[in-house]
Structure formats: structure tokens, C-alpha cells
């Protein structure tokens, strides 16, 4: 089992910045990909950014150039630096870890961007 603990959400004005953190614990040796998804009210959950074991990062087109995903292997933590935030970034953000046979999810953290 893998446990994911998120932090860093909140309320910010348009153009502001936030940093989300996700710390993994438990049976982390099998994790192949970690990243962040988000879900806005009435919309499906979408992948925001993820990083695989080789360090390759993927981003949702709408966040490219504004969001940066990084990781600290020693701390088993991934970070999502979100800059130039827009109201359309408002959503619950979920940390995800994929172990090849099972998906693990954090509890979610609310990000609200006011206009």
C-alpha cells in the first residue's frame, strides 16, 4: 500500500502562485509514475502533470509554461509549482501514484483562483 499526503492548496488571486506538495509513504518502491490531477465541479478529472521513474515530465497543454512539476527522491515527494494562476485553474487537485498494477490517490486539496 502507498499513502499520499498532500498540502499547499488555498485561495489566490489571478496571476498568483501556489505550490502543492505530495509525500508518499508505504510500499513506494513499486511506484512508476507520480503526478497531479484536478477536477473542477461538473467536469471530469484531468491529468495536470506527471513524472515517471526516468524523470520524464508530461503537462496538460493549458498549464505548460505556468506549472512546473519536480520531485525529491530522498523525501519521496513531488511538488507542483503553479504560477500565473487563472480562474480556470480552480479545482480540487489530487496527487496520484501509479504502481503499474494499482493507482493510489491523495485526499485532494482545493485550489481556488479568484478573478
PDB file of N, CA and C in Angstrom:
ATOM      1  N   UNK A   1       0.832  -1.193   0.000  1.00  0.00           N
ATOM      2  CA  UNK A   1       0.000   0.000   0.000  1.00  0.00           C
ATOM      3  C   UNK A   1       0.867   1.243   0.000  1.00  0.00           C
ATOM      4  N   UNK A   2       0.348   2.259  -0.635  1.00  0.00           N
ATOM      5  CA  UNK A   2       1.007   3.563  -0.697  1.00  0.00           C
ATOM      6  C   UNK A   2       0.066   4.605  -0.124  1.00  0.00           C
ATOM      7  N   UNK A   3       0.606   5.451   0.722  1.00  0.00           N
ATOM      8  CA  UNK A   3      -0.174   6.566   1.250  1.00  0.00           C
ATOM      9  C   UNK A   3       0.383   7.869   0.666  1.00  0.00           C
ATOM     10  N   UNK A   4      -0.516   8.749   0.287  1.00  0.00           N
ATOM     11  CA  UNK A   4      -0.143  10.040  -0.294  1.00  0.00           C
ATOM     12  C   UNK A   4      -0.744  11.153   0.551  1.00  0.00           C
ATOM     13  N   UNK A   5       0.105  12.057   0.986  1.00  0.00           N
ATOM     14  CA  UNK A   5      -0.356  13.186   1.809  1.00  0.00           C
ATOM     15  C   UNK A   5      -0.035  14.475   1.066  1.00  0.00           C
ATOM     16  N   UNK A   6      -1.082  15.234   0.792  1.00  0.00           N
ATOM     17  CA  UNK A   6      -0.960  16.473   0.024  1.00  0.00           C
ATOM     18  C   UNK A   6      -0.999  17.683   0.945  1.00  0.00           C
ATOM     19  N   UNK A   7      -0.411  18.752   0.466  1.00  0.00           N
ATOM     20  CA  UNK A   7      -0.514  20.026   1.164  1.00  0.00           C
ATOM     21  C   UNK A   7      -0.272  21.148   0.162  1.00  0.00           C
ATOM     22  N   UNK A   8      -0.696  22.352   0.546  1.00  0.00           N
ATOM     23  CA  UNK A   8      -0.348  23.526  -0.232  1.00  0.00           C
ATOM     24  C   UNK A   8      -1.464  24.197  -0.993  1.00  0.00           C
ATOM     25  N   UNK A   9      -2.673  23.682  -0.953  1.00  0.00           N
ATOM     26  CA  UNK A   9      -3.758  24.350  -1.657  1.00  0.00           C
ATOM     27  C   UNK A   9      -4.165  25.627  -0.942  1.00  0.00           C
ATOM     28  N   UNK A  10      -5.114  26.339  -1.547  1.00  0.00           N
ATOM     29  CA  UNK A  10      -5.590  27.556  -0.923  1.00  0.00           C
ATOM     30  C   UNK A  10      -6.259  28.479  -1.906  1.00  0.00           C
ATOM     31  N   UNK A  11      -6.448  29.715  -1.453  1.00  0.00           N
ATOM     32  CA  UNK A  11      -7.099  30.752  -2.243  1.00  0.00           C
ATOM     33  C   UNK A  11      -6.048  31.769  -2.686  1.00  0.00           C
ATOM     34  N   UNK A  12      -6.074  32.089  -3.975  1.00  0.00           N
ATOM     35  CA  UNK A  12      -5.107  33.032  -4.509  1.00  0.00           C
ATOM     36  C   UNK A  12      -5.786  33.869  -5.590  1.00  0.00           C
ATOM     37  N   UNK A  13      -5.283  35.060  -5.805  1.00  0.00           N
ATOM     38  CA  UNK A  13      -5.832  35.913  -6.856  1.00  0.00           C
ATOM     39  C   UNK A  13      -5.250  35.526  -8.213  1.00  0.00           C
ATOM     40  N   UNK A  14      -5.949  35.923  -9.251  1.00  0.00           N
ATOM     41  CA  UNK A  14      -5.457  35.707 -10.605  1.00  0.00           C
ATOM     42  C   UNK A  14      -4.041  36.253 -10.747  1.00  0.00           C
ATOM     43  N   UNK A  15      -3.168  35.433 -11.348  1.00  0.00           N
ATOM     44  CA  UNK A  15      -1.781  35.818 -11.514  1.00  0.00           C
ATOM     45  C   UNK A  15      -0.877  35.391 -10.374  1.00  0.00           C
ATOM     46  N   UNK A  16      -1.475  34.892  -9.315  1.00  0.00           N
ATOM     47  CA  UNK A  16      -0.699  34.476  -8.158  1.00  0.00           C
ATOM     48  C   UNK A  16      -0.084  33.094  -8.323  1.00  0.00           C
ATOM     49  N   UNK A  17       0.562  32.636  -7.258  1.00  0.00           N
ATOM     50  CA  UNK A  17       1.272  31.364  -7.286  1.00  0.00           C
ATOM     51  C   UNK A  17       0.927  30.532  -6.056  1.00  0.00           C
ATOM     52  N   UNK A  18       0.997  29.238  -6.240  1.00  0.00           N
ATOM     53  CA  UNK A  18       0.872  28.276  -5.153  1.00  0.00           C
ATOM     54  C   UNK A  18       1.807  27.109  -5.431  1.00  0.00           C
ATOM     55  N   UNK A  19       2.215  26.434  -4.387  1.00  0.00           N
ATOM     56  CA  UNK A  19       2.999  25.216  -4.542  1.00  0.00           C
ATOM     57  C   UNK A  19       2.323  24.085  -3.791  1.00  0.00           C
ATOM     58  N   UNK A  20       2.039  23.021  -4.513  1.00  0.00           N
ATOM     59  CA  UNK A  20       1.471  21.823  -3.917  1.00  0.00           C
ATOM     60  C   UNK A  20       2.578  20.810  -3.659  1.00  0.00           C
ATOM     61  N   UNK A  21       2.442  20.099  -2.553  1.00  0.00           N
ATOM     62  CA  UNK A  21       3.379  19.031  -2.222  1.00  0.00           C
ATOM     63  C   UNK A  21       2.622  17.738  -2.016  1.00  0.00           C
ATOM     64  N   UNK A  22       3.268  16.643  -2.377  1.00  0.00           N
ATOM     65  CA  UNK A  22       2.675  15.323  -2.170  1.00  0.00           C
ATOM     66  C   UNK A  22       3.775  14.384  -1.702  1.00  0.00           C
ATOM     67  N   UNK A  23       3.635  13.902  -0.466  1.00  0.00           N
ATOM     68  CA  UNK A  23       4.615  12.995   0.109  1.00  0.00           C
ATOM     69  C   UNK A  23       4.066  11.574   0.101  1.00  0.00           C
ATOM     70  N   UNK A  24       4.852  10.655  -0.418  1.00  0.00           N
ATOM     71  CA  UNK A  24       4.458   9.253  -0.485  1.00  0.00           C
ATOM     72  C   UNK A  24       5.127   8.468   0.632  1.00  0.00           C
ATOM     73  N   UNK A  25       4.396   7.498   1.159  1.00  0.00           N
ATOM     74  CA  UNK A  25       4.954   6.610   2.162  1.00  0.00           C
ATOM     75  C   UNK A  25       4.370   5.208   1.956  1.00  0.00           C
ATOM     76  N   UNK A  26       4.956   4.242   2.635  1.00  0.00           N
ATOM     77  CA  UNK A  26       4.497   2.863   2.480  1.00  0.00           C
ATOM     78  C   UNK A  26       5.341   2.133   1.453  1.00  0.00           C
ATOM     79  N   UNK A  27       4.692   1.325   0.644  1.00  0.00           N
ATOM     80  CA  UNK A  27       5.390   0.499  -0.360  1.00  0.00           C
ATOM     81  C   UNK A  27       5.664   1.311  -1.624  1.00  0.00           C
ATOM     82  N   UNK A  28       6.560   2.292  -1.504  1.00  0.00           N
ATOM     83  CA  UNK A  28       6.805   3.227  -2.603  1.00  0.00           C
ATOM     84  C   UNK A  28       7.731   2.673  -3.678  1.00  0.00           C
ATOM     85  N   UNK A  29       8.395   1.543  -3.423  1.00  0.00           N
ATOM     86  CA  UNK A  29       9.387   1.029  -4.358  1.00  0.00           C
ATOM     87  C   UNK A  29       8.768   0.683  -5.708  1.00  0.00           C
ATOM     88  N   UNK A  30       7.464   0.382  -5.728  1.00  0.00           N
ATOM     89  CA  UNK A  30       6.824  -0.022  -6.975  1.00  0.00           C
ATOM     90  C   UNK A  30       6.250   1.112  -7.792  1.00  0.00           C
ATOM     91  N   UNK A  31       6.359   2.341  -7.287  1.00  0.00           N
ATOM     92  CA  UNK A  31       5.770   3.488  -7.990  1.00  0.00           C
ATOM     93  C   UNK A  31       6.536   3.764  -9.278  1.00  0.00           C
ATOM     94  N   UNK A  32       5.814   3.868 -10.368  1.00  0.00           N
ATOM     95  CA  UNK A  32       6.415   4.146 -11.676  1.00  0.00           C
ATOM     96  C   UNK A  32       6.156   5.578 -12.133  1.00  0.00           C
ATOM     97  N   UNK A  33       5.032   6.126 -11.748  1.00  0.00           N
ATOM     98  CA  UNK A  33       4.671   7.485 -12.154  1.00  0.00           C
ATOM     99  C   UNK A  33       3.998   8.177 -10.969  1.00  0.00           C
ATOM    100  N   UNK A  34       4.349   9.430 -10.762  1.00  0.00           N
ATOM    101  CA  UNK A  34       3.637  10.251  -9.774  1.00  0.00           C
ATOM    102  C   UNK A  34       3.251  11.551 -10.430  1.00  0.00           C
ATOM    103  N   UNK A  35       2.155  12.096  -9.976  1.00  0.00           N
ATOM    104  CA  UNK A  35       1.748  13.355 -10.574  1.00  0.00           C
ATOM    105  C   UNK A  35       0.509  13.925  -9.917  1.00  0.00           C
ATOM    106  N   UNK A  36      -0.069  14.896 -10.593  1.00  0.00           N
ATOM    107  CA  UNK A  36      -1.237  15.612 -10.099  1.00  0.00           C
ATOM    108  C   UNK A  36      -2.347  15.593 -11.138  1.00  0.00           C
ATOM    109  N   UNK A  37      -3.541  15.378 -10.648  1.00  0.00           N
ATOM    110  CA  UNK A  37      -4.757  15.507 -11.424  1.00  0.00           C
ATOM    111  C   UNK A  37      -5.599  16.594 -10.783  1.00  0.00           C
ATOM    112  N   UNK A  38      -6.590  17.055 -11.514  1.00  0.00           N
ATOM    113  CA  UNK A  38      -7.521  18.012 -10.931  1.00  0.00           C
ATOM    114  C   UNK A  38      -8.923  17.758 -11.442  1.00  0.00           C
ATOM    115  N   UNK A  39      -9.871  18.190 -10.629  1.00  0.00           N
ATOM    116  CA  UNK A  39     -11.268  18.043 -11.013  1.00  0.00           C
ATOM    117  C   UNK A  39     -12.046  19.263 -10.582  1.00  0.00           C
ATOM    118  N   UNK A  40     -12.599  19.954 -11.565  1.00  0.00           N
ATOM    119  CA  UNK A  40     -13.450  21.107 -11.309  1.00  0.00           C
ATOM    120  C   UNK A  40     -14.897  20.631 -11.243  1.00  0.00           C
ATOM    121  N   UNK A  41     -15.762  21.394 -10.574  1.00  0.00           N
ATOM    122  CA  UNK A  41     -17.179  20.995 -10.462  1.00  0.00           C
ATOM    123  C   UNK A  41     -17.814  20.756 -11.818  1.00  0.00           C
ATOM    124  N   UNK A  42     -18.445  19.607 -11.968  1.00  0.00           N
ATOM    125  CA  UNK A  42     -19.136  19.290 -13.207  1.00  0.00           C
ATOM    126  C   UNK A  42     -18.252  18.858 -14.355  1.00  0.00           C
ATOM    127  N   UNK A  43     -16.977  18.711 -14.076  1.00  0.00           N
ATOM    128  CA  UNK A  43     -16.040  18.322 -15.139  1.00  0.00           C
ATOM    129  C   UNK A  43     -15.325  17.028 -14.768  1.00  0.00           C
ATOM    130  N   UNK A  44     -14.827  16.299 -15.761  1.00  0.00           N
ATOM    131  CA  UNK A  44     -14.089  15.073 -15.446  1.00  0.00           C
ATOM    132  C   UNK A  44     -12.709  15.393 -14.878  1.00  0.00           C
ATOM    133  N   UNK A  45     -12.172  14.415 -14.182  1.00  0.00           N
ATOM    134  CA  UNK A  45     -10.819  14.579 -13.650  1.00  0.00           C
ATOM    135  C   UNK A  45      -9.831  14.552 -14.812  1.00  0.00           C
ATOM    136  N   UNK A  46      -8.834  15.446 -14.756  1.00  0.00           N
ATOM    137  CA  UNK A  46      -7.839  15.508 -15.827  1.00  0.00           C
ATOM    138  C   UNK A  46      -6.436  15.520 -15.255  1.00  0.00           C
ATOM    139  N   UNK A  47      -5.522  14.957 -16.023  1.00  0.00           N
ATOM    140  CA  UNK A  47      -4.127  14.937 -15.623  1.00  0.00           C
ATOM    141  C   UNK A  47      -3.542  16.328 -15.820  1.00  0.00           C
ATOM    142  N   UNK A  48      -2.865  16.824 -14.810  1.00  0.00           N
ATOM    143  CA  UNK A  48      -2.225  18.137 -14.882  1.00  0.00           C
ATOM    144  C   UNK A  48      -0.752  17.996 -15.228  1.00  0.00           C
ATOM    145  N   UNK A  49      -0.064  17.129 -14.518  1.00  0.00           N
ATOM    146  CA  UNK A  49       1.359  16.901 -14.758  1.00  0.00           C
ATOM    147  C   UNK A  49       1.747  15.591 -14.087  1.00  0.00           C
ATOM    148  N   UNK A  50       2.673  14.883 -14.731  1.00  0.00           N
ATOM    149  CA  UNK A  50       3.194  13.682 -14.089  1.00  0.00           C
ATOM    150  C   UNK A  50       4.645  13.467 -14.475  1.00  0.00           C
ATOM    151  N   UNK A  51       5.316  12.649 -13.666  1.00  0.00           N
ATOM    152  CA  UNK A  51       6.727  12.378 -13.877  1.00  0.00           C
ATOM    153  C   UNK A  51       6.952  10.888 -13.691  1.00  0.00           C
ATOM    154  N   UNK A  52       7.700  10.280 -14.618  1.00  0.00           N
ATOM    155  CA  UNK A  52       7.941   8.853 -14.490  1.00  0.00           C
ATOM    156  C   UNK A  52       9.290   8.592 -13.804  1.00  0.00           C
ATOM    157  N   UNK A  53       9.600   7.340 -13.649  1.00  0.00           N
ATOM    158  CA  UNK A  53      10.805   6.975 -12.909  1.00  0.00           C
ATOM    159  C   UNK A  53      12.082   7.434 -13.600  1.00  0.00           C
ATOM    160  N   UNK A  54      11.998   7.682 -14.917  1.00  0.00           N
ATOM    161  CA  UNK A  54      13.166   8.169 -15.657  1.00  0.00           C
ATOM    162  C   UNK A  54      13.300   9.685 -15.583  1.00  0.00           C
ATOM    163  N   UNK A  55      12.300  10.328 -14.997  1.00  0.00           N
ATOM    164  CA  UNK A  55      12.356  11.771 -14.868  1.00  0.00           C
ATOM    165  C   UNK A  55      11.661  12.536 -15.976  1.00  0.00           C
ATOM    166  N   UNK A  56      10.999  11.833 -16.865  1.00  0.00           N
ATOM    167  CA  UNK A  56      10.292  12.494 -17.949  1.00  0.00           C
ATOM    168  C   UNK A  56       8.972  13.071 -17.432  1.00  0.00           C
ATOM    169  N   UNK A  57       8.706  14.318 -17.784  1.00  0.00           N
ATOM    170  CA  UNK A  57       7.530  15.027 -17.271  1.00  0.00           C
ATOM    171  C   UNK A  57       6.551  15.332 -18.402  1.00  0.00           C
ATOM    172  N   UNK A  58       5.291  15.119 -18.126  1.00  0.00           N
ATOM    173  CA  UNK A  58       4.222  15.477 -19.054  1.00  0.00           C
ATOM    174  C   UNK A  58       3.347  16.546 -18.412  1.00  0.00           C
ATOM    175  N   UNK A  59       2.847  17.459 -19.242  1.00  0.00           N
ATOM    176  CA  UNK A  59       1.968  18.517 -18.751  1.00  0.00           C
ATOM    177  C   UNK A  59       0.703  18.596 -19.597  1.00  0.00           C
ATOM    178  N   UNK A  60      -0.373  18.964 -18.949  1.00  0.00           N
ATOM    179  CA  UNK A  60      -1.590  19.354 -19.641  1.00  0.00           C
ATOM    180  C   UNK A  60      -1.266  20.597 -20.465  1.00  0.00           C
ATOM    181  N   UNK A  61      -1.750  20.643 -21.687  1.00  0.00           N
ATOM    182  CA  UNK A  61      -1.395  21.769 -22.567  1.00  0.00           C
ATOM    183  C   UNK A  61      -1.686  23.127 -21.934  1.00  0.00           C
ATOM    184  N   UNK A  62      -2.794  23.232 -21.243  1.00  0.00           N
ATOM    185  CA  UNK A  62      -3.205  24.534 -20.722  1.00  0.00           C
ATOM    186  C   UNK A  62      -2.349  25.024 -19.564  1.00  0.00           C
ATOM    187  N   UNK A  63      -1.481  24.184 -19.010  1.00  0.00           N
ATOM    188  CA  UNK A  63      -0.635  24.615 -17.895  1.00  0.00           C
ATOM    189  C   UNK A  63       0.837  24.722 -18.291  1.00  0.00           C
ATOM    190  N   UNK A  64       1.145  24.327 -19.510  1.00  0.00           N
ATOM    191  CA  UNK A  64       2.551  24.388 -19.955  1.00  0.00           C
ATOM    192  C   UNK A  64       3.051  25.831 -19.883  1.00  0.00           C
ATOM    193  N   UNK A  65       4.251  25.984 -19.356  1.00  0.00           N
ATOM    194  CA  UNK A  65       4.836  27.306 -19.212  1.00  0.00           C
ATOM    195  C   UNK A  65       4.448  28.015 -17.940  1.00  0.00           C
ATOM    196  N   UNK A  66       3.439  27.488 -17.239  1.00  0.00           N
ATOM    197  CA  UNK A  66       2.988  28.099 -15.987  1.00  0.00           C
ATOM    198  C   UNK A  66       3.227  27.203 -14.780  1.00  0.00           C
ATOM    199  N   UNK A  67       3.083  25.904 -14.971  1.00  0.00           N
ATOM    200  CA  UNK A  67       3.249  24.942 -13.884  1.00  0.00           C
ATOM    201  C   UNK A  67       4.548  24.170 -14.077  1.00  0.00           C
ATOM    202  N   UNK A  68       5.180  23.827 -12.971  1.00  0.00           N
ATOM    203  CA  UNK A  68       6.399  23.027 -13.011  1.00  0.00           C
ATOM    204  C   UNK A  68       6.300  21.907 -11.988  1.00  0.00           C
ATOM    205  N   UNK A  69       6.497  20.697 -12.458  1.00  0.00           N
ATOM    206  CA  UNK A  69       6.489  19.527 -11.583  1.00  0.00           C
ATOM    207  C   UNK A  69       7.926  19.118 -11.291  1.00  0.00           C
ATOM    208  N   UNK A  70       8.214  18.881 -10.039  1.00  0.00           N
ATOM    209  CA  UNK A  70       9.544  18.412  -9.667  1.00  0.00           C
ATOM    210  C   UNK A  70       9.411  17.371  -8.568  1.00  0.00           C
ATOM    211  N   UNK A  71      10.511  16.704  -8.274  1.00  0.00           N
ATOM    212  CA  UNK A  71      10.454  15.679  -7.231  1.00  0.00           C
ATOM    213  C   UNK A  71      11.745  15.669  -6.435  1.00  0.00           C
ATOM    214  N   UNK A  72      11.602  15.208  -5.228  1.00  0.00           N
ATOM    215  CA  UNK A  72      12.735  14.984  -4.339  1.00  0.00           C
ATOM    216  C   UNK A  72      12.706  13.499  -3.994  1.00  0.00           C
ATOM    217  N   UNK A  73      13.594  12.742  -4.615  1.00  0.00           N
ATOM    218  CA  UNK A  73      13.552  11.288  -4.429  1.00  0.00           C
ATOM    219  C   UNK A  73      13.831  10.894  -2.984  1.00  0.00           C
ATOM    220  N   UNK A  74      14.725  11.612  -2.339  1.00  0.00           N
ATOM    221  CA  UNK A  74      15.071  11.282  -0.959  1.00  0.00           C
ATOM    222  C   UNK A  74      13.867  11.445  -0.036  1.00  0.00           C
ATOM    223  N   UNK A  75      13.068  12.459  -0.318  1.00  0.00           N
ATOM    224  CA  UNK A  75      11.882  12.719   0.507  1.00  0.00           C
ATOM    225  C   UNK A  75      10.640  12.032  -0.033  1.00  0.00           C
ATOM    226  N   UNK A  76      10.766  11.356  -1.194  1.00  0.00           N
ATOM    227  CA  UNK A  76       9.624  10.684  -1.824  1.00  0.00           C
ATOM    228  C   UNK A  76       8.464  11.668  -1.981  1.00  0.00           C
ATOM    229  N   UNK A  77       8.808  12.842  -2.450  1.00  0.00           N
ATOM    230  CA  UNK A  77       7.841  13.935  -2.546  1.00  0.00           C
ATOM    231  C   UNK A  77       7.887  14.544  -3.944  1.00  0.00           C
ATOM    232  N   UNK A  78       6.712  14.860  -4.465  1.00  0.00           N
ATOM    233  CA  UNK A  78       6.635  15.629  -5.697  1.00  0.00           C
ATOM    234  C   UNK A  78       6.014  16.979  -5.387  1.00  0.00           C
ATOM    235  N   UNK A  79       6.428  17.968  -6.157  1.00  0.00           N
ATOM    236  CA  UNK A  79       5.975  19.334  -5.961  1.00  0.00           C
ATOM    237  C   UNK A  79       5.390  19.851  -7.274  1.00  0.00           C
ATOM    238  N   UNK A  80       4.327  20.598  -7.163  1.00  0.00           N
ATOM    239  CA  UNK A  80       3.748  21.260  -8.323  1.00  0.00           C
ATOM    240  C   UNK A  80       3.763  22.757  -8.056  1.00  0.00           C
ATOM    241  N   UNK A  81       4.675  23.445  -8.713  1.00  0.00           N
ATOM    242  CA  UNK A  81       4.743  24.902  -8.614  1.00  0.00           C
ATOM    243  C   UNK A  81       3.812  25.479  -9.659  1.00  0.00           C
ATOM    244  N   UNK A  82       2.844  26.246  -9.204  1.00  0.00           N
ATOM    245  CA  UNK A  82       1.834  26.808 -10.094  1.00  0.00           C
ATOM    246  C   UNK A  82       1.953  28.322 -10.098  1.00  0.00           C
ATOM    247  N   UNK A  83       2.321  28.874 -11.226  1.00  0.00           N
ATOM    248  CA  UNK A  83       2.467  30.315 -11.384  1.00  0.00           C
ATOM    249  C   UNK A  83       1.430  30.842 -12.368  1.00  0.00           C
ATOM    250  N   UNK A  84       1.255  32.137 -12.365  1.00  0.00           N
ATOM    251  CA  UNK A  84       0.313  32.788 -13.287  1.00  0.00           C
ATOM    252  C   UNK A  84      -1.044  32.092 -13.269  1.00  0.00           C
ATOM    253  N   UNK A  85      -1.537  31.855 -12.085  1.00  0.00           N
ATOM    254  CA  UNK A  85      -2.786  31.112 -11.944  1.00  0.00           C
ATOM    255  C   UNK A  85      -3.962  31.876 -12.527  1.00  0.00           C
ATOM    256  N   UNK A  86      -4.893  31.113 -13.080  1.00  0.00           N
ATOM    257  CA  UNK A  86      -6.085  31.664 -13.712  1.00  0.00           C
ATOM    258  C   UNK A  86      -7.324  31.095 -13.026  1.00  0.00           C
ATOM    259  N   UNK A  87      -8.449  31.788 -13.123  1.00  0.00           N
ATOM    260  CA  UNK A  87      -9.680  31.251 -12.519  1.00  0.00           C
ATOM    261  C   UNK A  87     -10.015  29.841 -13.017  1.00  0.00           C
ATOM    262  N   UNK A  88      -9.695  29.545 -14.252  1.00  0.00           N
ATOM    263  CA  UNK A  88      -9.977  28.203 -14.793  1.00  0.00           C
ATOM    264  C   UNK A  88      -9.094  27.113 -14.196  1.00  0.00           C
ATOM    265  N   UNK A  89      -8.111  27.489 -13.394  1.00  0.00           N
ATOM    266  CA  UNK A  89      -7.303  26.502 -12.673  1.00  0.00           C
ATOM    267  C   UNK A  89      -7.983  26.063 -11.375  1.00  0.00           C
ATOM    268  N   UNK A  90      -9.072  26.723 -11.034  1.00  0.00           N
ATOM    269  CA  UNK A  90      -9.795  26.373  -9.811  1.00  0.00           C
ATOM    270  C   UNK A  90     -10.313  24.943  -9.889  1.00  0.00           C
ATOM    271  N   UNK A  91      -9.960  24.139  -8.894  1.00  0.00           N
ATOM    272  CA  UNK A  91     -10.342  22.731  -8.877  1.00  0.00           C
ATOM    273  C   UNK A  91      -9.832  22.098  -7.592  1.00  0.00           C
ATOM    274  N   UNK A  92     -10.263  20.872  -7.359  1.00  0.00           N
ATOM    275  CA  UNK A  92      -9.620  20.045  -6.342  1.00  0.00           C
ATOM    276  C   UNK A  92      -8.469  19.313  -7.028  1.00  0.00           C
ATOM    277  N   UNK A  93      -7.291  19.443  -6.457  1.00  0.00           N
ATOM    278  CA  UNK A  93      -6.107  18.815  -7.020  1.00  0.00           C
ATOM    279  C   UNK A  93      -5.795  17.542  -6.229  1.00  0.00           C
ATOM    280  N   UNK A  94      -5.574  16.464  -6.966  1.00  0.00           N
ATOM    281  CA  UNK A  94      -5.311  15.163  -6.362  1.00  0.00           C
ATOM    282  C   UNK A  94      -3.927  14.657  -6.752  1.00  0.00           C
ATOM    283  N   UNK A  95      -3.190  14.218  -5.776  1.00  0.00           N
ATOM    284  CA  UNK A  95      -1.925  13.557  -6.041  1.00  0.00           C
ATOM    285  C   UNK A  95      -2.213  12.117  -6.453  1.00  0.00           C
ATOM    286  N   UNK A  96      -1.430  11.631  -7.390  1.00  0.00           N
ATOM    287  CA  UNK A  96      -1.614  10.270  -7.893  1.00  0.00           C
ATOM    288  C   UNK A  96      -0.280   9.555  -7.958  1.00  0.00           C
ATOM    289  N   UNK A  97      -0.301   8.277  -7.617  1.00  0.00           N
ATOM    290  CA  UNK A  97       0.870   7.424  -7.793  1.00  0.00           C
ATOM    291  C   UNK A  97       0.410   6.155  -8.493  1.00  0.00           C
ATOM    292  N   UNK A  98       1.102   5.807  -9.567  1.00  0.00           N
ATOM    293  CA  UNK A  98       0.749   4.617 -10.325  1.00  0.00           C
ATOM    294  C   UNK A  98       1.860   3.604 -10.166  1.00  0.00           C
ATOM    295  N   UNK A  99       1.481   2.419  -9.688  1.00  0.00           N
ATOM    296  CA  UNK A  99       2.476   1.392  -9.410  1.00  0.00           C
ATOM    297  C   UNK A  99       2.455   0.291 -10.459  1.00  0.00           C
ATOM    298  N   UNK A 100       1.790   0.532 -11.559  1.00  0.00           N
ATOM    299  CA  UNK A 100       1.768  -0.448 -12.635  1.00  0.00           C
ATOM    300  C   UNK A 100       0.627  -1.438 -12.507  1.00  0.00           C
ATOM    301  N   UNK A 101       0.174  -1.631 -11.298  1.00  0.00           N
ATOM    302  CA  UNK A 101      -0.929  -2.562 -11.077  1.00  0.00           C
ATOM    303  C   UNK A 101      -2.052  -1.905 -10.278  1.00  0.00           C
ATOM    304  N   UNK A 102      -1.752  -0.762  -9.730  1.00  0.00           N
ATOM    305  CA  UNK A 102      -2.744  -0.068  -8.926  1.00  0.00           C
ATOM    306  C   UNK A 102      -2.465   1.424  -8.899  1.00  0.00           C
ATOM    307  N   UNK A 103      -3.545   2.179  -8.902  1.00  0.00           N
ATOM    308  CA  UNK A 103      -3.483   3.627  -8.738  1.00  0.00           C
ATOM    309  C   UNK A 103      -3.724   3.967  -7.278  1.00  0.00           C
ATOM    310  N   UNK A 104      -2.971   4.941  -6.793  1.00  0.00           N
ATOM    311  CA  UNK A 104      -3.195   5.456  -5.448  1.00  0.00           C
ATOM    312  C   UNK A 104      -3.500   6.945  -5.552  1.00  0.00           C
ATOM    313  N   UNK A 105      -4.372   7.414  -4.675  1.00  0.00           N
ATOM    314  CA  UNK A 105      -4.808   8.802  -4.713  1.00  0.00           C
ATOM    315  C   UNK A 105      -4.691   9.450  -3.340  1.00  0.00           C
ATOM    316  N   UNK A 106      -4.351  10.724  -3.356  1.00  0.00           N
ATOM    317  CA  UNK A 106      -4.406  11.506  -2.139  1.00  0.00           C
ATOM    318  C   UNK A 106      -5.830  11.949  -1.871  1.00  0.00           C
ATOM    319  N   UNK A 107      -5.991  12.672  -0.773  1.00  0.00           N
ATOM    320  CA  UNK A 107      -7.341  13.076  -0.363  1.00  0.00           C
ATOM    321  C   UNK A 107      -7.849  14.287  -1.123  1.00  0.00           C
ATOM    322  N   UNK A 108      -6.974  14.966  -1.799  1.00  0.00           N
ATOM    323  CA  UNK A 108      -7.352  16.143  -2.572  1.00  0.00           C
ATOM    324  C   UNK A 108      -7.136  17.426  -1.791  1.00  0.00           C
ATOM    325  N   UNK A 109      -6.749  18.464  -2.503  1.00  0.00           N
ATOM    326  CA  UNK A 109      -6.575  19.781  -1.892  1.00  0.00           C
ATOM    327  C   UNK A 109      -7.192  20.820  -2.815  1.00  0.00           C
ATOM    328  N   UNK A 110      -7.945  21.722  -2.219  1.00  0.00           N
ATOM    329  CA  UNK A 110      -8.680  22.724  -3.010  1.00  0.00           C
ATOM    330  C   UNK A 110      -7.763  23.867  -3.413  1.00  0.00           C
ATOM    331  N   UNK A 111      -7.813  24.198  -4.681  1.00  0.00           N
ATOM    332  CA  UNK A 111      -7.146  25.391  -5.206  1.00  0.00           C
ATOM    333  C   UNK A 111      -8.227  26.288  -5.794  1.00  0.00           C
ATOM    334  N   UNK A 112      -8.301  27.506  -5.290  1.00  0.00           N
ATOM    335  CA  UNK A 112      -9.290  28.466  -5.771  1.00  0.00           C
ATOM    336  C   UNK A 112      -8.575  29.721  -6.224  1.00  0.00           C
ATOM    337  N   UNK A 113      -8.836  30.115  -7.461  1.00  0.00           N
ATOM    338  CA  UNK A 113      -8.230  31.312  -8.026  1.00  0.00           C
ATOM    339  C   UNK A 113      -9.333  32.334  -8.262  1.00  0.00           C
ATOM    340  N   UNK A 114      -9.250  33.429  -7.572  1.00  0.00           N
ATOM    341  CA  UNK A 114     -10.287  34.463  -7.697  1.00  0.00           C
ATOM    342  C   UNK A 114      -9.928  35.445  -8.804  1.00  0.00           C
ATOM    343  N   UNK A 115     -10.976  35.933  -9.453  1.00  0.00           N
ATOM    344  CA  UNK A 115     -10.751  36.865 -10.573  1.00  0.00           C
ATOM    345  C   UNK A 115     -10.763  38.298 -10.095  1.00  0.00           C
TER     346      UNK A 115
END
